């Protein structure tokens, strides 16, 4: 049986939901819960970059070993074709993962709602992954 608890996220600083599984060595956590921060920004007028930065090497290495992100996952989170997810780069020196994808509309185009791409990190931040208990 699972139970839902609502609390403050240490990684992001906002409210978040945690789904804990009874009698398991893993719990669902959002990426925002385990990361130090998750951001997004333009990488030119037609590309968007998402950055996930972890607070320490151990957390980063755990995340990398789980392999929770691939083109299929990112495409599903953002409702885009997998071919629009251009790169997923693990950057060990910064304990970070960088994702580059095509924007559905160019920055500043008619109907586009986030000129700077600064609010596009939320689906990634709220994405739940299995996370080892006690980490």
C-alpha atoms as a PDB file:
ATOM      1  CA  UNK A   1       0.000   0.000   0.000  1.00  0.00           C
ATOM      2  CA  UNK A   2       1.237   3.487  -0.787  1.00  0.00           C
ATOM      3  CA  UNK A   3       0.704   6.689   1.107  1.00  0.00           C
ATOM      4  CA  UNK A   4       0.897  10.250  -0.153  1.00  0.00           C
ATOM      5  CA  UNK A   5       2.595  12.938   1.912  1.00  0.00           C
ATOM      6  CA  UNK A   6       2.785  16.594   1.009  1.00  0.00           C
ATOM      7  CA  UNK A   7       5.802  18.561   2.142  1.00  0.00           C
ATOM      8  CA  UNK A   8       8.464  21.050   1.151  1.00  0.00           C
ATOM      9  CA  UNK A   9      10.970  19.927  -1.420  1.00  0.00           C
ATOM     10  CA  UNK A  10      14.555  20.256  -0.281  1.00  0.00           C
ATOM     11  CA  UNK A  11      15.822  20.294  -3.859  1.00  0.00           C
ATOM     12  CA  UNK A  12      13.551  22.956  -5.287  1.00  0.00           C
ATOM     13  CA  UNK A  13      12.181  24.763  -2.246  1.00  0.00           C
ATOM     14  CA  UNK A  14       8.510  24.514  -3.244  1.00  0.00           C
ATOM     15  CA  UNK A  15       5.637  22.252  -2.257  1.00  0.00           C
ATOM     16  CA  UNK A  16       5.817  18.758  -3.649  1.00  0.00           C
ATOM     17  CA  UNK A  17       4.135  15.397  -3.304  1.00  0.00           C
ATOM     18  CA  UNK A  18       6.004  12.251  -2.302  1.00  0.00           C
ATOM     19  CA  UNK A  19       4.545   8.819  -2.930  1.00  0.00           C
ATOM     20  CA  UNK A  20       6.112   6.303  -0.576  1.00  0.00           C
ATOM     21  CA  UNK A  21       5.759   2.592  -1.167  1.00  0.00           C
ATOM     22  CA  UNK A  22       5.361   0.391   1.860  1.00  0.00           C
ATOM     23  CA  UNK A  23       7.987  -2.341   2.300  1.00  0.00           C
ATOM     24  CA  UNK A  24      10.224  -1.168  -0.530  1.00  0.00           C
ATOM     25  CA  UNK A  25      13.803  -0.011  -0.773  1.00  0.00           C
ATOM     26  CA  UNK A  26      12.735   2.720  -3.216  1.00  0.00           C
ATOM     27  CA  UNK A  27      10.319   5.628  -3.121  1.00  0.00           C
ATOM     28  CA  UNK A  28       8.990   7.870  -5.840  1.00  0.00           C
ATOM     29  CA  UNK A  29      10.663  11.271  -5.745  1.00  0.00           C
ATOM     30  CA  UNK A  30      10.444  14.112  -8.181  1.00  0.00           C
ATOM     31  CA  UNK A  31      13.600  15.212  -9.927  1.00  0.00           C
ATOM     32  CA  UNK A  32      13.090  18.555  -8.181  1.00  0.00           C
ATOM     33  CA  UNK A  33      13.248  16.746  -4.836  1.00  0.00           C
ATOM     34  CA  UNK A  34      16.644  15.168  -5.476  1.00  0.00           C
ATOM     35  CA  UNK A  35      18.273  17.963  -7.494  1.00  0.00           C
ATOM     36  CA  UNK A  36      19.706  21.132  -6.059  1.00  0.00           C
ATOM     37  CA  UNK A  37      17.876  22.994  -8.818  1.00  0.00           C
ATOM     38  CA  UNK A  38      16.264  22.516 -12.222  1.00  0.00           C
ATOM     39  CA  UNK A  39      16.280  25.372 -14.736  1.00  0.00           C
ATOM     40  CA  UNK A  40      15.415  26.124 -18.335  1.00  0.00           C
ATOM     41  CA  UNK A  41      16.520  28.794 -20.764  1.00  0.00           C
ATOM     42  CA  UNK A  42      16.785  29.530 -24.442  1.00  0.00           C
ATOM     43  CA  UNK A  43      19.715  28.116 -26.344  1.00  0.00           C
ATOM     44  CA  UNK A  44      19.076  30.460 -29.264  1.00  0.00           C
ATOM     45  CA  UNK A  45      15.635  31.364 -30.632  1.00  0.00           C
ATOM     46  CA  UNK A  46      14.698  27.799 -31.662  1.00  0.00           C
ATOM     47  CA  UNK A  47      16.251  25.642 -28.932  1.00  0.00           C
ATOM     48  CA  UNK A  48      15.608  25.174 -25.231  1.00  0.00           C
ATOM     49  CA  UNK A  49      18.078  23.900 -22.641  1.00  0.00           C
ATOM     50  CA  UNK A  50      17.044  22.209 -19.407  1.00  0.00           C
ATOM     51  CA  UNK A  51      19.620  21.882 -16.626  1.00  0.00           C
ATOM     52  CA  UNK A  52      19.415  19.542 -13.645  1.00  0.00           C
ATOM     53  CA  UNK A  53      22.135  20.250 -11.073  1.00  0.00           C
ATOM     54  CA  UNK A  54      22.670  17.978  -8.079  1.00  0.00           C
ATOM     55  CA  UNK A  55      23.876  19.027  -4.618  1.00  0.00           C
ATOM     56  CA  UNK A  56      26.750  16.551  -4.380  1.00  0.00           C
ATOM     57  CA  UNK A  57      28.611  13.829  -6.204  1.00  0.00           C
ATOM     58  CA  UNK A  58      26.800  10.960  -4.443  1.00  0.00           C
ATOM     59  CA  UNK A  59      23.355  12.218  -5.466  1.00  0.00           C
ATOM     60  CA  UNK A  60      24.544  12.854  -9.016  1.00  0.00           C
ATOM     61  CA  UNK A  61      26.109   9.384  -9.302  1.00  0.00           C
ATOM     62  CA  UNK A  62      22.925   7.764  -7.951  1.00  0.00           C
ATOM     63  CA  UNK A  63      20.828   9.670 -10.501  1.00  0.00           C
ATOM     64  CA  UNK A  64      23.165   8.673 -13.339  1.00  0.00           C
ATOM     65  CA  UNK A  65      23.115   5.019 -12.310  1.00  0.00           C
ATOM     66  CA  UNK A  66      19.302   4.948 -12.388  1.00  0.00           C
ATOM     67  CA  UNK A  67      19.208   6.281 -15.976  1.00  0.00           C
ATOM     68  CA  UNK A  68      15.755   7.859 -15.491  1.00  0.00           C
ATOM     69  CA  UNK A  69      15.944  10.182 -18.512  1.00  0.00           C
ATOM     70  CA  UNK A  70      16.114   9.364 -22.194  1.00  0.00           C
ATOM     71  CA  UNK A  71      14.661  10.853 -25.374  1.00  0.00           C
ATOM     72  CA  UNK A  72      11.409   8.927 -24.943  1.00  0.00           C
ATOM     73  CA  UNK A  73      10.837  10.250 -21.398  1.00  0.00           C
ATOM     74  CA  UNK A  74      11.667  13.866 -22.291  1.00  0.00           C
ATOM     75  CA  UNK A  75       9.501  13.735 -25.429  1.00  0.00           C
ATOM     76  CA  UNK A  76       6.600  12.428 -23.348  1.00  0.00           C
ATOM     77  CA  UNK A  77       6.995  15.115 -20.687  1.00  0.00           C
ATOM     78  CA  UNK A  78       6.982  17.897 -23.270  1.00  0.00           C
ATOM     79  CA  UNK A  79       4.619  16.427 -25.877  1.00  0.00           C
ATOM     80  CA  UNK A  80       7.212  16.606 -28.645  1.00  0.00           C
ATOM     81  CA  UNK A  81       8.627  14.041 -31.077  1.00  0.00           C
ATOM     82  CA  UNK A  82      11.667  12.141 -29.807  1.00  0.00           C
ATOM     83  CA  UNK A  83      13.624  13.571 -32.737  1.00  0.00           C
ATOM     84  CA  UNK A  84      13.177  17.042 -31.189  1.00  0.00           C
ATOM     85  CA  UNK A  85      15.151  15.951 -28.112  1.00  0.00           C
ATOM     86  CA  UNK A  86      18.599  16.698 -29.480  1.00  0.00           C
ATOM     87  CA  UNK A  87      20.992  15.973 -26.610  1.00  0.00           C
ATOM     88  CA  UNK A  88      21.052  14.604 -23.085  1.00  0.00           C
ATOM     89  CA  UNK A  89      24.499  15.302 -21.670  1.00  0.00           C
ATOM     90  CA  UNK A  90      25.826  14.194 -18.290  1.00  0.00           C
ATOM     91  CA  UNK A  91      28.423  16.718 -17.139  1.00  0.00           C
ATOM     92  CA  UNK A  92      30.404  15.155 -14.310  1.00  0.00           C
ATOM     93  CA  UNK A  93      32.459  18.226 -13.218  1.00  0.00           C
ATOM     94  CA  UNK A  94      29.273  20.157 -12.359  1.00  0.00           C
ATOM     95  CA  UNK A  95      27.183  17.158 -11.147  1.00  0.00           C
ATOM     96  CA  UNK A  96      24.676  18.144 -13.807  1.00  0.00           C
ATOM     97  CA  UNK A  97      22.563  16.847 -16.666  1.00  0.00           C
ATOM     98  CA  UNK A  98      21.850  19.136 -19.629  1.00  0.00           C
ATOM     99  CA  UNK A  99      19.036  18.481 -22.103  1.00  0.00           C
ATOM    100  CA  UNK A 100      18.713  20.382 -25.384  1.00  0.00           C
ATOM    101  CA  UNK A 101      15.522  20.235 -27.411  1.00  0.00           C
ATOM    102  CA  UNK A 102      13.788  22.119 -30.181  1.00  0.00           C
ATOM    103  CA  UNK A 103      11.198  24.700 -29.182  1.00  0.00           C
ATOM    104  CA  UNK A 104       7.748  24.159 -30.674  1.00  0.00           C
ATOM    105  CA  UNK A 105       7.633  27.886 -31.516  1.00  0.00           C
ATOM    106  CA  UNK A 106      10.593  30.213 -31.867  1.00  0.00           C
ATOM    107  CA  UNK A 107      11.253  32.660 -29.060  1.00  0.00           C
ATOM    108  CA  UNK A 108       8.973  35.662 -29.548  1.00  0.00           C
ATOM    109  CA  UNK A 109       6.865  34.020 -32.278  1.00  0.00           C
ATOM    110  CA  UNK A 110       3.144  34.762 -32.403  1.00  0.00           C
ATOM    111  CA  UNK A 111       1.449  32.509 -29.845  1.00  0.00           C
ATOM    112  CA  UNK A 112       4.658  31.706 -27.973  1.00  0.00           C
ATOM    113  CA  UNK A 113       4.198  32.269 -24.213  1.00  0.00           C
ATOM    114  CA  UNK A 114       7.717  32.128 -22.704  1.00  0.00           C
ATOM    115  CA  UNK A 115      10.126  34.343 -24.642  1.00  0.00           C
ATOM    116  CA  UNK A 116      13.128  33.469 -22.453  1.00  0.00           C
ATOM    117  CA  UNK A 117      12.279  29.783 -22.006  1.00  0.00           C
ATOM    118  CA  UNK A 118      12.625  30.332 -18.267  1.00  0.00           C
ATOM    119  CA  UNK A 119       9.438  28.520 -17.206  1.00  0.00           C
ATOM    120  CA  UNK A 120       9.857  25.319 -19.199  1.00  0.00           C
ATOM    121  CA  UNK A 121      11.651  23.342 -16.488  1.00  0.00           C
ATOM    122  CA  UNK A 122       8.501  22.525 -14.504  1.00  0.00           C
ATOM    123  CA  UNK A 123       7.475  19.251 -16.258  1.00  0.00           C
ATOM    124  CA  UNK A 124      11.011  17.913 -15.788  1.00  0.00           C
ATOM    125  CA  UNK A 125      11.195  19.120 -12.183  1.00  0.00           C
ATOM    126  CA  UNK A 126       7.899  17.385 -11.325  1.00  0.00           C
ATOM    127  CA  UNK A 127       8.770  14.114 -13.097  1.00  0.00           C
ATOM    128  CA  UNK A 128       8.736  11.236 -10.592  1.00  0.00           C
ATOM    129  CA  UNK A 129      11.486   8.634 -10.525  1.00  0.00           C
ATOM    130  CA  UNK A 130      12.201   5.614  -8.330  1.00  0.00           C
ATOM    131  CA  UNK A 131      14.738   6.764  -5.746  1.00  0.00           C
ATOM    132  CA  UNK A 132      16.568   4.616  -3.183  1.00  0.00           C
ATOM    133  CA  UNK A 133      15.261   5.095   0.383  1.00  0.00           C
ATOM    134  CA  UNK A 134      17.595   6.991   2.672  1.00  0.00           C
ATOM    135  CA  UNK A 135      19.262   8.944  -0.140  1.00  0.00           C
END
